[in-house]
PDB file of all heavy atoms in Angstrom:
ATOM      1  N   LEU A   1      57.628 100.738  58.368  1.00  0.00           N
ATOM      2  CA  LEU A   1      56.848 100.350  57.228  1.00  0.00           C
ATOM      3  C   LEU A   1      57.663  99.483  56.317  1.00  0.00           C
ATOM      4  O   LEU A   1      57.104  98.487  55.709  1.00  0.00           O
ATOM      5  CB  LEU A   1      56.533 101.669  56.490  1.00  0.00           C
ATOM      6  CG  LEU A   1      55.548 102.639  57.149  1.00  0.00           C
ATOM      7  CD1 LEU A   1      55.371 103.896  56.346  1.00  0.00           C
ATOM      8  CD2 LEU A   1      54.219 101.922  57.375  1.00  0.00           C
ATOM      9  N   ALA A   2      59.003  99.663  56.231  1.00  0.00           N
ATOM     10  CA  ALA A   2      59.852  98.815  55.407  1.00  0.00           C
ATOM     11  C   ALA A   2      59.715  97.344  55.892  1.00  0.00           C
ATOM     12  O   ALA A   2      59.595  96.448  55.120  1.00  0.00           O
ATOM     13  CB  ALA A   2      61.317  99.323  55.382  1.00  0.00           C
ATOM     14  N   ASN A   3      59.867  97.201  57.213  1.00  0.00           N
ATOM     15  CA  ASN A   3      59.783  95.853  57.823  1.00  0.00           C
ATOM     16  C   ASN A   3      58.370  95.194  57.585  1.00  0.00           C
ATOM     17  O   ASN A   3      58.289  93.993  57.344  1.00  0.00           O
ATOM     18  CB  ASN A   3      60.154  95.890  59.302  1.00  0.00           C
ATOM     19  CG  ASN A   3      61.662  96.126  59.539  1.00  0.00           C
ATOM     20  OD1 ASN A   3      62.429  95.695  58.694  1.00  0.00           O
ATOM     21  ND2 ASN A   3      61.963  96.722  60.581  1.00  0.00           N
ATOM     22  N   LEU A   4      57.420  96.035  57.678  1.00  0.00           N
ATOM     23  CA  LEU A   4      56.028  95.424  57.552  1.00  0.00           C
ATOM     24  C   LEU A   4      55.797  94.966  56.116  1.00  0.00           C
ATOM     25  O   LEU A   4      55.301  93.832  55.909  1.00  0.00           O
ATOM     26  CB  LEU A   4      54.970  96.507  57.886  1.00  0.00           C
ATOM     27  CG  LEU A   4      54.782  96.880  59.354  1.00  0.00           C
ATOM     28  CD1 LEU A   4      53.885  98.075  59.525  1.00  0.00           C
ATOM     29  CD2 LEU A   4      54.268  95.642  60.122  1.00  0.00           C
ATOM     30  N   TYR A   5      56.203  95.794  55.130  1.00  0.00           N
ATOM     31  CA  TYR A   5      55.936  95.378  53.745  1.00  0.00           C
ATOM     32  C   TYR A   5      56.907  94.282  53.330  1.00  0.00           C
ATOM     33  O   TYR A   5      56.472  93.329  52.606  1.00  0.00           O
ATOM     34  CB  TYR A   5      56.184  96.636  52.836  1.00  0.00           C
ATOM     35  CG  TYR A   5      54.970  97.503  52.767  1.00  0.00           C
ATOM     36  CD1 TYR A   5      54.974  98.763  53.427  1.00  0.00           C
ATOM     37  CD2 TYR A   5      53.799  97.155  52.086  1.00  0.00           C
ATOM     38  CE1 TYR A   5      53.856  99.611  53.362  1.00  0.00           C
ATOM     39  CE2 TYR A   5      52.722  97.994  52.026  1.00  0.00           C
ATOM     40  CZ  TYR A   5      52.741  99.201  52.700  1.00  0.00           C
ATOM     41  OH  TYR A   5      51.638 100.041  52.672  1.00  0.00           O
ATOM     42  N   MET A   6      58.167  94.339  53.826  1.00  0.00           N
ATOM     43  CA  MET A   6      59.025  93.254  53.432  1.00  0.00           C
ATOM     44  C   MET A   6      58.616  91.964  54.041  1.00  0.00           C
ATOM     45  O   MET A   6      58.787  90.825  53.511  1.00  0.00           O
ATOM     46  CB  MET A   6      60.486  93.613  53.868  1.00  0.00           C
ATOM     47  CG  MET A   6      61.220  94.560  52.957  1.00  0.00           C
ATOM     48  SD  MET A   6      61.356  93.967  51.228  1.00  0.00           S
ATOM     49  CE  MET A   6      62.250  92.483  51.491  1.00  0.00           C
ATOM     50  N   ASN A   7      58.058  91.975  55.235  1.00  0.00           N
ATOM     51  CA  ASN A   7      57.616  90.795  55.906  1.00  0.00           C
ATOM     52  C   ASN A   7      56.508  90.132  55.071  1.00  0.00           C
ATOM     53  O   ASN A   7      56.425  88.916  54.935  1.00  0.00           O
ATOM     54  CB  ASN A   7      57.092  91.095  57.286  1.00  0.00           C
ATOM     55  CG  ASN A   7      56.648  89.822  58.065  1.00  0.00           C
ATOM     56  OD1 ASN A   7      57.422  88.980  58.276  1.00  0.00           O
ATOM     57  ND2 ASN A   7      55.307  89.834  58.399  1.00  0.00           N
ATOM     58  N   ARG A   8      55.614  90.934  54.533  1.00  0.00           N
ATOM     59  CA  ARG A   8      54.545  90.417  53.684  1.00  0.00           C
ATOM     60  C   ARG A   8      55.096  89.778  52.424  1.00  0.00           C
ATOM     61  O   ARG A   8      54.649  88.763  51.980  1.00  0.00           O
ATOM     62  CB  ARG A   8      53.545  91.561  53.386  1.00  0.00           C
ATOM     63  CG  ARG A   8      52.768  92.072  54.576  1.00  0.00           C
ATOM     64  CD  ARG A   8      51.763  93.088  54.213  1.00  0.00           C
ATOM     65  NE  ARG A   8      50.724  92.665  53.294  1.00  0.00           N
ATOM     66  CZ  ARG A   8      49.738  93.340  52.823  1.00  0.00           C
ATOM     67  NH1 ARG A   8      49.707  94.673  53.066  1.00  0.00           N
ATOM     68  NH2 ARG A   8      48.843  92.875  51.987  1.00  0.00           N
ATOM     69  N   MET A   9      56.070  90.478  51.896  1.00  0.00           N
ATOM     70  CA  MET A   9      56.716  89.951  50.605  1.00  0.00           C
ATOM     71  C   MET A   9      57.390  88.608  50.903  1.00  0.00           C
ATOM     72  O   MET A   9      57.264  87.643  50.162  1.00  0.00           O
ATOM     73  CB  MET A   9      57.661  90.985  50.053  1.00  0.00           C
ATOM     74  CG  MET A   9      58.455  90.419  48.859  1.00  0.00           C
ATOM     75  SD  MET A   9      59.551  91.681  48.153  1.00  0.00           S
ATOM     76  CE  MET A   9      60.468  90.715  47.030  1.00  0.00           C
ATOM     77  N   LEU A  10      58.176  88.542  51.974  1.00  0.00           N
ATOM     78  CA  LEU A  10      58.902  87.332  52.322  1.00  0.00           C
ATOM     79  C   LEU A  10      57.959  86.193  52.728  1.00  0.00           C
ATOM     80  O   LEU A  10      58.241  85.068  52.474  1.00  0.00           O
ATOM     81  CB  LEU A  10      59.891  87.629  53.530  1.00  0.00           C
ATOM     82  CG  LEU A  10      60.955  88.612  53.244  1.00  0.00           C
ATOM     83  CD1 LEU A  10      61.755  88.929  54.501  1.00  0.00           C
ATOM     84  CD2 LEU A  10      61.895  88.026  52.138  1.00  0.00           C
ATOM     85  N   LYS A  11      56.834  86.579  53.357  1.00  0.00           N
ATOM     86  CA  LYS A  11      55.835  85.529  53.704  1.00  0.00           C
ATOM     87  C   LYS A  11      55.232  84.950  52.483  1.00  0.00           C
ATOM     88  O   LYS A  11      55.059  83.735  52.359  1.00  0.00           O
ATOM     89  CB  LYS A  11      54.773  86.147  54.562  1.00  0.00           C
ATOM     90  CG  LYS A  11      53.792  85.160  55.186  1.00  0.00           C
ATOM     91  CD  LYS A  11      52.809  85.841  56.068  1.00  0.00           C
ATOM     92  CE  LYS A  11      51.831  84.838  56.654  1.00  0.00           C
ATOM     93  NZ  LYS A  11      50.831  85.531  57.597  1.00  0.00           N
ATOM     94  N   GLY A  12      54.957  85.814  51.479  1.00  0.00           N
ATOM     95  CA  GLY A  12      54.456  85.324  50.176  1.00  0.00           C
ATOM     96  C   GLY A  12      55.477  84.471  49.475  1.00  0.00           C
ATOM     97  O   GLY A  12      55.051  83.397  48.859  1.00  0.00           O
ATOM     98  N   TRP A  13      56.713  84.826  49.537  1.00  0.00           N
ATOM     99  CA  TRP A  13      57.803  84.077  48.822  1.00  0.00           C
ATOM    100  C   TRP A  13      57.822  82.653  49.446  1.00  0.00           C
ATOM    101  O   TRP A  13      57.897  81.677  48.716  1.00  0.00           O
ATOM    102  CB  TRP A  13      59.062  84.752  49.140  1.00  0.00           C
ATOM    103  CG  TRP A  13      60.323  84.104  48.712  1.00  0.00           C
ATOM    104  CD1 TRP A  13      61.064  83.090  49.423  1.00  0.00           C
ATOM    105  CD2 TRP A  13      61.046  84.182  47.431  1.00  0.00           C
ATOM    106  NE1 TRP A  13      62.154  82.641  48.725  1.00  0.00           N
ATOM    107  CE2 TRP A  13      62.140  83.316  47.471  1.00  0.00           C
ATOM    108  CE3 TRP A  13      60.819  84.909  46.308  1.00  0.00           C
ATOM    109  CZ2 TRP A  13      63.098  83.246  46.464  1.00  0.00           C
ATOM    110  CZ3 TRP A  13      61.768  84.887  45.250  1.00  0.00           C
ATOM    111  CH2 TRP A  13      62.809  83.992  45.297  1.00  0.00           C
ATOM    112  N   LYS A  14      57.714  82.587  50.763  1.00  0.00           N
ATOM    113  CA  LYS A  14      57.785  81.299  51.444  1.00  0.00           C
ATOM    114  C   LYS A  14      56.540  80.429  51.233  1.00  0.00           C
ATOM    115  O   LYS A  14      56.623  79.224  50.918  1.00  0.00           O
ATOM    116  CB  LYS A  14      57.990  81.481  52.943  1.00  0.00           C
ATOM    117  CG  LYS A  14      58.250  80.219  53.733  1.00  0.00           C
ATOM    118  CD  LYS A  14      58.526  80.500  55.196  1.00  0.00           C
ATOM    119  CE  LYS A  14      58.696  79.189  56.020  1.00  0.00           C
ATOM    120  NZ  LYS A  14      59.046  79.467  57.420  1.00  0.00           N
ATOM    121  N   GLN A  15      55.429  81.064  51.355  1.00  0.00           N
ATOM    122  CA  GLN A  15      54.143  80.308  51.233  1.00  0.00           C
ATOM    123  C   GLN A  15      53.976  79.760  49.849  1.00  0.00           C
ATOM    124  O   GLN A  15      53.343  78.685  49.656  1.00  0.00           O
ATOM    125  CB  GLN A  15      52.957  81.168  51.618  1.00  0.00           C
ATOM    126  CG  GLN A  15      52.879  81.464  53.142  1.00  0.00           C
ATOM    127  CD  GLN A  15      51.712  82.379  53.488  1.00  0.00           C
ATOM    128  OE1 GLN A  15      51.144  83.062  52.602  1.00  0.00           O
ATOM    129  NE2 GLN A  15      51.278  82.383  54.776  1.00  0.00           N
ATOM    130  N   THR A  16      54.330  80.468  48.822  1.00  0.00           N
ATOM    131  CA  THR A  16      54.210  80.061  47.455  1.00  0.00           C
ATOM    132  C   THR A  16      55.395  79.208  46.966  1.00  0.00           C
ATOM    133  O   THR A  16      55.378  78.961  45.751  1.00  0.00           O
ATOM    134  CB  THR A  16      53.961  81.252  46.489  1.00  0.00           C
ATOM    135  OG1 THR A  16      55.025  82.176  46.640  1.00  0.00           O
ATOM    136  CG2 THR A  16      52.636  82.000  46.917  1.00  0.00           C
ATOM    137  N   LYS A  17      56.316  78.959  47.825  1.00  0.00           N
ATOM    138  CA  LYS A  17      57.471  78.138  47.492  1.00  0.00           C
ATOM    139  C   LYS A  17      58.242  78.671  46.281  1.00  0.00           C
ATOM    140  O   LYS A  17      58.676  77.932  45.453  1.00  0.00           O
ATOM    141  CB  LYS A  17      57.073  76.670  47.280  1.00  0.00           C
ATOM    142  CG  LYS A  17      56.414  75.995  48.449  1.00  0.00           C
ATOM    143  CD  LYS A  17      56.138  74.585  48.210  1.00  0.00           C
ATOM    144  CE  LYS A  17      55.399  73.979  49.421  1.00  0.00           C
ATOM    145  NZ  LYS A  17      56.248  74.046  50.681  1.00  0.00           N
ATOM    146  N   ARG A  18      58.461  80.018  46.253  1.00  0.00           N
ATOM    147  CA  ARG A  18      59.152  80.586  45.114  1.00  0.00           C
ATOM    148  C   ARG A  18      60.655  80.242  45.166  1.00  0.00           C
ATOM    149  O   ARG A  18      61.322  80.238  44.128  1.00  0.00           O
ATOM    150  CB  ARG A  18      58.996  82.080  45.170  1.00  0.00           C
ATOM    151  CG  ARG A  18      57.551  82.576  45.085  1.00  0.00           C
ATOM    152  CD  ARG A  18      56.936  82.131  43.686  1.00  0.00           C
ATOM    153  NE  ARG A  18      55.533  82.446  43.667  1.00  0.00           N
ATOM    154  CZ  ARG A  18      54.758  82.343  42.641  1.00  0.00           C
ATOM    155  NH1 ARG A  18      55.243  81.858  41.486  1.00  0.00           N
ATOM    156  NH2 ARG A  18      53.434  82.627  42.728  1.00  0.00           N
ATOM    157  N   GLY A  19      61.143  79.935  46.386  1.00  0.00           N
ATOM    158  CA  GLY A  19      62.574  79.561  46.442  1.00  0.00           C
ATOM    159  C   GLY A  19      62.839  78.310  45.621  1.00  0.00           C
ATOM    160  O   GLY A  19      63.850  78.248  44.906  1.00  0.00           O
ATOM    161  N   GLU A  20      61.927  77.346  45.779  1.00  0.00           N
ATOM    162  CA  GLU A  20      62.102  76.091  45.012  1.00  0.00           C
ATOM    163  C   GLU A  20      61.881  76.302  43.561  1.00  0.00           C
ATOM    164  O   GLU A  20      62.524  75.818  42.666  1.00  0.00           O
ATOM    165  CB  GLU A  20      61.113  74.983  45.569  1.00  0.00           C
ATOM    166  CG  GLU A  20      61.490  74.499  46.959  1.00  0.00           C
ATOM    167  CD  GLU A  20      60.922  75.391  48.034  1.00  0.00           C
ATOM    168  OE1 GLU A  20      60.487  76.551  47.761  1.00  0.00           O
ATOM    169  OE2 GLU A  20      60.895  74.939  49.161  1.00  0.00           O
ATOM    170  N   GLN A  21      60.884  77.116  43.210  1.00  0.00           N
ATOM    171  CA  GLN A  21      60.485  77.371  41.845  1.00  0.00           C
ATOM    172  C   GLN A  21      61.553  78.071  41.078  1.00  0.00           C
ATOM    173  O   GLN A  21      61.857  77.731  39.917  1.00  0.00           O
ATOM    174  CB  GLN A  21      59.186  78.192  41.807  1.00  0.00           C
ATOM    175  CG  GLN A  21      58.726  78.577  40.337  1.00  0.00           C
ATOM    176  CD  GLN A  21      57.504  79.459  40.345  1.00  0.00           C
ATOM    177  OE1 GLN A  21      56.792  79.580  41.337  1.00  0.00           O
ATOM    178  NE2 GLN A  21      57.227  79.974  39.228  1.00  0.00           N
ATOM    179  N   PHE A  22      62.232  79.126  41.684  1.00  0.00           N
ATOM    180  CA  PHE A  22      63.208  79.870  41.057  1.00  0.00           C
ATOM    181  C   PHE A  22      64.671  79.428  41.347  1.00  0.00           C
ATOM    182  O   PHE A  22      65.632  79.997  40.971  1.00  0.00           O
ATOM    183  CB  PHE A  22      63.079  81.344  41.428  1.00  0.00           C
ATOM    184  CG  PHE A  22      61.716  81.934  41.070  1.00  0.00           C
ATOM    185  CD1 PHE A  22      61.110  82.810  41.987  1.00  0.00           C
ATOM    186  CD2 PHE A  22      61.144  81.756  39.866  1.00  0.00           C
ATOM    187  CE1 PHE A  22      59.879  83.353  41.649  1.00  0.00           C
ATOM    188  CE2 PHE A  22      59.908  82.220  39.552  1.00  0.00           C
ATOM    189  CZ  PHE A  22      59.229  83.077  40.417  1.00  0.00           C
ATOM    190  N   GLN A  23      64.705  78.340  42.089  1.00  0.00           N
ATOM    191  CA  GLN A  23      66.068  77.857  42.616  1.00  0.00           C
ATOM    192  C   GLN A  23      66.853  79.055  43.153  1.00  0.00           C
ATOM    193  O   GLN A  23      67.984  79.307  42.777  1.00  0.00           O
ATOM    194  CB  GLN A  23      66.806  77.249  41.443  1.00  0.00           C
ATOM    195  CG  GLN A  23      66.162  76.066  40.779  1.00  0.00           C
ATOM    196  CD  GLN A  23      66.957  75.532  39.617  1.00  0.00           C
ATOM    197  OE1 GLN A  23      68.216  75.440  39.714  1.00  0.00           O
ATOM    198  NE2 GLN A  23      66.277  75.134  38.570  1.00  0.00           N
ATOM    199  N   ALA A  24      66.210  79.660  44.161  1.00  0.00           N
ATOM    200  CA  ALA A  24      66.726  80.951  44.637  1.00  0.00           C
ATOM    201  C   ALA A  24      66.562  81.164  46.162  1.00  0.00           C
ATOM    202  O   ALA A  24      65.865  80.425  46.794  1.00  0.00           O
ATOM    203  CB  ALA A  24      66.037  82.087  43.909  1.00  0.00           C
ATOM    204  N   ARG A  25      67.347  82.092  46.639  1.00  0.00           N
ATOM    205  CA  ARG A  25      67.314  82.550  48.055  1.00  0.00           C
ATOM    206  C   ARG A  25      67.107  84.016  47.985  1.00  0.00           C
ATOM    207  O   ARG A  25      67.626  84.698  47.166  1.00  0.00           O
ATOM    208  CB  ARG A  25      68.495  82.191  48.847  1.00  0.00           C
ATOM    209  CG  ARG A  25      68.633  80.720  49.073  1.00  0.00           C
ATOM    210  CD  ARG A  25      69.874  80.400  49.880  1.00  0.00           C
ATOM    211  NE  ARG A  25      69.805  81.056  51.183  1.00  0.00           N
ATOM    212  CZ  ARG A  25      70.766  81.016  52.113  1.00  0.00           C
ATOM    213  NH1 ARG A  25      71.899  80.410  51.819  1.00  0.00           N
ATOM    214  NH2 ARG A  25      70.643  81.610  53.311  1.00  0.00           N
ATOM    215  N   ILE A  26      66.317  84.602  48.876  1.00  0.00           N
ATOM    216  CA  ILE A  26      66.212  86.035  48.994  1.00  0.00           C
ATOM    217  C   ILE A  26      66.816  86.498  50.300  1.00  0.00           C
ATOM    218  O   ILE A  26      66.627  85.936  51.343  1.00  0.00           O
ATOM    219  CB  ILE A  26      64.691  86.382  48.964  1.00  0.00           C
ATOM    220  CG1 ILE A  26      64.541  87.923  48.857  1.00  0.00           C
ATOM    221  CG2 ILE A  26      63.937  85.864  50.064  1.00  0.00           C
ATOM    222  CD1 ILE A  26      63.092  88.421  48.548  1.00  0.00           C
ATOM    223  N   VAL A  27      67.608  87.569  50.242  1.00  0.00           N
ATOM    224  CA  VAL A  27      68.314  88.146  51.379  1.00  0.00           C
ATOM    225  C   VAL A  27      67.892  89.618  51.463  1.00  0.00           C
ATOM    226  O   VAL A  27      67.918  90.379  50.487  1.00  0.00           O
ATOM    227  CB  VAL A  27      69.872  87.982  51.204  1.00  0.00           C
ATOM    228  CG1 VAL A  27      70.513  88.552  52.426  1.00  0.00           C
ATOM    229  CG2 VAL A  27      70.315  86.608  50.921  1.00  0.00           C
ATOM    230  N   SER A  28      67.408  89.944  52.632  1.00  0.00           N
ATOM    231  CA  SER A  28      66.835  91.354  52.806  1.00  0.00           C
ATOM    232  C   SER A  28      67.353  92.012  54.049  1.00  0.00           C
ATOM    233  O   SER A  28      67.715  91.341  55.039  1.00  0.00           O
ATOM    234  CB  SER A  28      65.341  91.284  52.818  1.00  0.00           C
ATOM    235  OG  SER A  28      64.848  90.581  53.989  1.00  0.00           O
ATOM    236  N   TYR A  29      67.387  93.381  53.995  1.00  0.00           N
ATOM    237  CA  TYR A  29      67.612  94.138  55.167  1.00  0.00           C
ATOM    238  C   TYR A  29      66.848  95.413  54.969  1.00  0.00           C
ATOM    239  O   TYR A  29      67.079  96.115  54.012  1.00  0.00           O
ATOM    240  CB  TYR A  29      69.100  94.485  55.295  1.00  0.00           C
ATOM    241  CG  TYR A  29      69.461  95.336  56.474  1.00  0.00           C
ATOM    242  CD1 TYR A  29      69.576  94.727  57.753  1.00  0.00           C
ATOM    243  CD2 TYR A  29      69.583  96.679  56.371  1.00  0.00           C
ATOM    244  CE1 TYR A  29      69.865  95.529  58.877  1.00  0.00           C
ATOM    245  CE2 TYR A  29      69.882  97.477  57.480  1.00  0.00           C
ATOM    246  CZ  TYR A  29      70.028  96.862  58.750  1.00  0.00           C
ATOM    247  OH  TYR A  29      70.288  97.645  59.818  1.00  0.00           O
ATOM    248  N   ALA A  30      65.920  95.673  55.911  1.00  0.00           N
ATOM    249  CA  ALA A  30      65.044  96.876  55.808  1.00  0.00           C
ATOM    250  C   ALA A  30      64.355  96.769  54.419  1.00  0.00           C
ATOM    251  O   ALA A  30      63.691  95.794  54.163  1.00  0.00           O
ATOM    252  CB  ALA A  30      65.804  98.147  55.984  1.00  0.00           C
ATOM    253  N   ASP A  31      64.509  97.835  53.577  1.00  0.00           N
ATOM    254  CA  ASP A  31      63.823  97.849  52.315  1.00  0.00           C
ATOM    255  C   ASP A  31      64.734  97.481  51.177  1.00  0.00           C
ATOM    256  O   ASP A  31      64.431  97.652  50.032  1.00  0.00           O
ATOM    257  CB  ASP A  31      63.149  99.149  52.056  1.00  0.00           C
ATOM    258  CG  ASP A  31      64.136 100.348  51.973  1.00  0.00           C
ATOM    259  OD1 ASP A  31      65.289 100.060  52.384  1.00  0.00           O
ATOM    260  OD2 ASP A  31      63.780 101.426  51.566  1.00  0.00           O
ATOM    261  N   ASP A  32      65.906  96.947  51.466  1.00  0.00           N
ATOM    262  CA  ASP A  32      66.780  96.478  50.418  1.00  0.00           C
ATOM    263  C   ASP A  32      66.863  94.979  50.400  1.00  0.00           C
ATOM    264  O   ASP A  32      66.789  94.266  51.485  1.00  0.00           O
ATOM    265  CB  ASP A  32      68.258  96.979  50.667  1.00  0.00           C
ATOM    266  CG  ASP A  32      68.475  98.460  50.385  1.00  0.00           C
ATOM    267  OD1 ASP A  32      67.711  98.928  49.647  1.00  0.00           O
ATOM    268  OD2 ASP A  32      69.380  99.062  50.996  1.00  0.00           O
ATOM    269  N   PHE A  33      66.905  94.384  49.184  1.00  0.00           N
ATOM    270  CA  PHE A  33      67.023  92.922  49.091  1.00  0.00           C
ATOM    271  C   PHE A  33      67.625  92.518  47.789  1.00  0.00           C
ATOM    272  O   PHE A  33      67.674  93.271  46.795  1.00  0.00           O
ATOM    273  CB  PHE A  33      65.591  92.257  49.199  1.00  0.00           C
ATOM    274  CG  PHE A  33      64.649  92.582  48.103  1.00  0.00           C
ATOM    275  CD1 PHE A  33      64.568  91.655  47.019  1.00  0.00           C
ATOM    276  CD2 PHE A  33      63.868  93.721  48.082  1.00  0.00           C
ATOM    277  CE1 PHE A  33      63.756  91.964  45.935  1.00  0.00           C
ATOM    278  CE2 PHE A  33      62.995  93.977  47.074  1.00  0.00           C
ATOM    279  CZ  PHE A  33      62.881  93.124  45.965  1.00  0.00           C
ATOM    280  N   VAL A  34      68.173  91.295  47.815  1.00  0.00           N
ATOM    281  CA  VAL A  34      68.729  90.670  46.615  1.00  0.00           C
ATOM    282  C   VAL A  34      68.119  89.281  46.545  1.00  0.00           C
ATOM    283  O   VAL A  34      67.860  88.624  47.507  1.00  0.00           O
ATOM    284  CB  VAL A  34      70.256  90.616  46.561  1.00  0.00           C
ATOM    285  CG1 VAL A  34      70.852  91.954  46.480  1.00  0.00           C
ATOM    286  CG2 VAL A  34      70.792  89.869  47.806  1.00  0.00           C
TER     287      VAL A  34
END
């Protein structure tokens, strides 16, 4: 379940180009992320 939900979150991050907007990178493992 952690991987399924995190995958949806990461997919939304990429599709909406939040990395560029927030000048950021997201690093995740299971249900933990920074």
